Protein backbone atom coordinates (compact mmCIF):
# COMPACT_ATOMS: atom_id res chain seq x y z
CA MET A 1 -0.10 -0.31 0.03
CA THR A 2 1.41 3.66 -0.76
CA ARG A 3 -0.62 5.91 0.93
CA ILE A 4 -0.20 9.58 -0.38
CA GLY A 5 -0.95 13.25 -0.20
CA LEU A 6 -1.91 15.48 -3.13
CA LEU A 7 -1.73 19.00 -3.23
CA SER A 8 -1.19 21.82 -6.40
CA ASP A 9 -1.15 25.23 -6.77
CA THR A 10 0.92 26.57 -3.42
CA HIS A 11 1.81 29.65 -5.78
CA GLY A 12 5.32 29.37 -3.38
CA TYR A 13 3.07 29.18 0.38
CA LEU A 14 3.57 26.21 2.39
CA ASP A 15 1.45 25.93 5.24
CA ASP A 16 3.22 24.21 8.14
CA ALA A 17 -0.63 22.24 8.46
CA ILE A 18 0.55 20.79 5.22
CA PHE A 19 3.63 18.23 7.30
CA LYS A 20 1.19 17.34 9.88
CA HIS A 21 -1.50 16.32 7.21
CA PHE A 22 0.82 14.42 5.42
CA GLU A 23 3.46 12.40 7.62
CA ASN A 24 1.72 8.93 7.66
CA CYS A 25 2.50 9.72 3.81
CA ASP A 26 4.53 7.39 1.81
CA GLU A 27 4.92 9.84 -1.02
CA ILE A 28 3.36 13.70 -2.07
CA TRP A 29 2.46 14.58 -5.56
CA HIS A 30 2.39 17.97 -6.47
CA ALA A 31 0.47 18.94 -9.22
CA GLY A 32 1.87 22.36 -10.51
CA ASP A 33 1.83 25.81 -9.92
CA PHE A 34 4.94 25.27 -6.83
CA GLY A 35 5.57 29.00 -6.66
CA THR A 36 9.27 28.45 -5.89
CA ILE A 37 11.99 25.89 -5.84
CA GLU A 38 12.47 26.76 -2.17
CA LEU A 39 8.96 25.13 -1.55
CA ALA A 40 9.52 22.13 -3.69
CA ASP A 41 12.96 21.25 -2.26
CA LYS A 42 11.52 21.95 1.45
CA LEU A 43 8.76 18.64 0.22
CA ALA A 44 11.20 16.59 -1.22
CA ALA A 45 13.16 16.77 1.80
CA PHE A 46 10.30 15.74 3.71
CA LYS A 47 8.99 13.00 1.83
CA THR A 48 9.23 11.27 -2.05
CA LEU A 49 7.44 14.46 -4.30
CA ARG A 50 6.36 13.65 -7.21
CA GLY A 51 4.83 16.73 -9.23
CA VAL A 52 4.81 18.58 -12.52
CA TYR A 53 5.58 22.20 -13.17
CA GLY A 54 2.50 24.69 -14.04
CA ASN A 55 2.28 27.45 -16.03
CA ILE A 56 3.67 30.20 -13.15
CA ASP A 57 6.68 28.08 -12.35
CA GLY A 58 9.87 29.05 -13.61
CA LYS A 59 13.08 28.06 -15.61
CA GLU A 60 14.27 26.09 -12.03
CA LEU A 61 11.10 24.06 -11.50
CA ARG A 62 10.71 22.90 -15.19
CA LEU A 63 14.33 21.98 -15.31
CA GLN A 64 13.53 19.58 -12.60
CA TYR A 65 10.16 18.47 -13.65
CA PRO A 66 8.22 17.61 -16.63
CA GLU A 67 5.15 18.88 -17.60
CA ASN A 68 3.45 15.59 -17.86
CA LEU A 69 4.62 12.53 -15.79
CA ARG A 70 3.36 8.78 -16.05
CA PHE A 71 3.96 6.89 -13.54
CA ASP A 72 2.48 3.06 -12.31
CA CYS A 73 2.13 3.16 -8.05
CA GLU A 74 0.96 0.08 -7.23
CA LYS A 75 -0.14 -1.67 -10.75
CA VAL A 76 -2.58 2.26 -11.48
CA ASP A 77 -0.85 3.90 -14.50
CA VAL A 78 -1.35 7.49 -13.32
CA TRP A 79 -1.24 10.79 -15.03
CA MET A 80 0.09 13.87 -13.73
CA THR A 81 -0.42 17.11 -15.67
CA HIS A 82 -0.93 21.20 -13.81
CA ILE A 83 -3.75 21.79 -16.74
CA GLY A 84 -5.74 19.29 -17.80
CA GLY A 85 -8.79 19.89 -18.17
CA TYR A 86 -12.00 17.63 -16.76
CA PRO A 87 -14.43 14.73 -17.77
CA ASP A 88 -15.50 16.04 -21.27
CA LYS A 89 -13.56 19.38 -21.83
CA TYR A 90 -9.79 17.84 -21.03
CA SER A 91 -7.38 20.35 -22.52
CA PRO A 92 -6.48 20.04 -26.24
CA GLN A 93 -2.44 18.54 -24.92
CA VAL A 94 -4.26 16.19 -22.76
CA LYS A 95 -7.16 14.92 -25.19
CA PRO A 96 -5.68 13.32 -27.87
CA LEU A 97 -3.61 10.84 -25.91
CA ILE A 98 -5.80 10.81 -22.97
CA TYR A 99 -8.51 8.97 -25.20
CA THR A 100 -6.29 6.72 -26.98
CA LYS A 101 -4.41 5.46 -23.79
CA PRO A 102 -6.30 6.43 -20.69
CA PRO A 103 -4.87 6.24 -17.63
CA GLN A 104 -7.00 4.62 -14.17
CA LEU A 105 -6.55 8.12 -12.24
CA PHE A 106 -5.37 11.44 -14.21
CA ILE A 107 -4.49 14.20 -11.66
CA CYS A 108 -4.44 18.21 -12.91
CA GLY A 109 -4.94 21.26 -10.70
CA HIS A 110 -4.76 24.94 -12.47
CA SER A 111 -8.53 25.89 -12.03
CA HIS A 112 -7.98 26.01 -7.95
CA ILE A 113 -11.55 23.99 -7.75
CA LEU A 114 -11.13 20.93 -5.93
CA LYS A 115 -13.10 17.99 -8.00
CA VAL A 116 -13.28 14.22 -7.71
CA VAL A 117 -14.82 12.93 -10.21
CA TYR A 118 -15.30 9.56 -11.89
CA ASP A 119 -14.79 9.56 -15.90
CA LYS A 120 -17.25 6.86 -17.10
CA LYS A 121 -16.44 7.23 -20.85
CA ILE A 122 -12.49 5.82 -19.83
CA ASN A 123 -12.96 4.84 -16.88
CA CYS A 124 -10.40 7.40 -14.96
CA LEU A 125 -10.10 8.43 -11.45
CA HIS A 126 -10.44 11.63 -11.95
CA ILE A 127 -8.74 14.51 -9.04
CA ASN A 128 -7.56 17.84 -8.58
CA PRO A 129 -6.51 18.74 -5.69
CA GLY A 130 -7.68 22.17 -5.19
CA ALA A 131 -5.32 25.21 -4.05
CA ALA A 132 -3.33 24.43 -1.28
CA GLY A 133 -1.73 27.90 -1.29
CA LYS A 134 -2.83 31.65 -0.59
CA GLN A 135 -2.84 32.90 -4.33
CA GLY A 136 -6.45 32.53 -5.73
CA TRP A 137 -10.25 32.94 -5.90
CA GLN A 138 -10.81 30.21 -3.79
CA ARG A 139 -12.43 30.73 -0.28
CA VAL A 140 -10.30 27.31 1.52
CA GLN A 141 -6.82 25.70 0.71
CA THR A 142 -7.65 22.12 0.03
CA LEU A 143 -5.30 18.90 0.38
CA ILE A 144 -6.26 15.56 -0.52
CA ARG A 145 -4.60 12.41 1.10
CA PHE A 146 -5.83 8.59 -0.23
CA CYS A 147 -4.24 5.10 -0.56
CA ILE A 148 -3.66 2.91 -3.74
CA SER A 149 -3.04 -1.14 -2.95
CA GLU A 150 -2.93 -3.71 -5.74
CA GLU A 151 -4.76 -1.94 -8.20
CA LYS A 152 -7.36 -0.28 -6.29
CA ILE A 153 -8.19 3.68 -4.94
CA HIS A 154 -8.92 4.00 -1.39
CA THR A 155 -9.22 6.10 1.46
CA LEU A 156 -9.71 8.95 0.19
CA GLU A 157 -9.62 12.26 2.15
CA VAL A 158 -10.17 16.06 1.61
CA ILE A 159 -8.73 17.78 3.99
CA GLU A 160 -9.34 22.04 4.67
CA LEU A 161 -6.54 24.01 5.90
CA THR A 162 -7.59 27.07 6.49
CA LYS A 163 -10.21 30.37 4.57
CA THR A 164 -8.01 32.45 3.17
């Protein structure tokens, strides 16, 4: 079993509560818009970090993290990108591949809107953890914790931090 802490859109702000909420996680996944390389380094020093760069991330982050990350976790095919869209409204960069070779778990950020939706057309769980940072229009900072075991995604929890 792999326990995952998922966040996105920190925009350079890292709430100390994140470390408490993710202390029992095996890995942290960041779906883009880190904001600073120092923030990414702090997360990577805490737990194994997988991440993608977002549209606000500069050259240093883009050299260290890819735009798209596709990998297997506990036999689950995972695709993470920052700007991915939503079921039936996937971004133009994602649309051709997601329909021809869909993952089992698709993760993106960018919108600052927390969403967990199952796309029945392609048998894929879509997760956007919302925004963990303070920049943007969201009213509550959010994170997600979940587990993957032997091809199953389970024990998903939404965590609300503070009102921005």
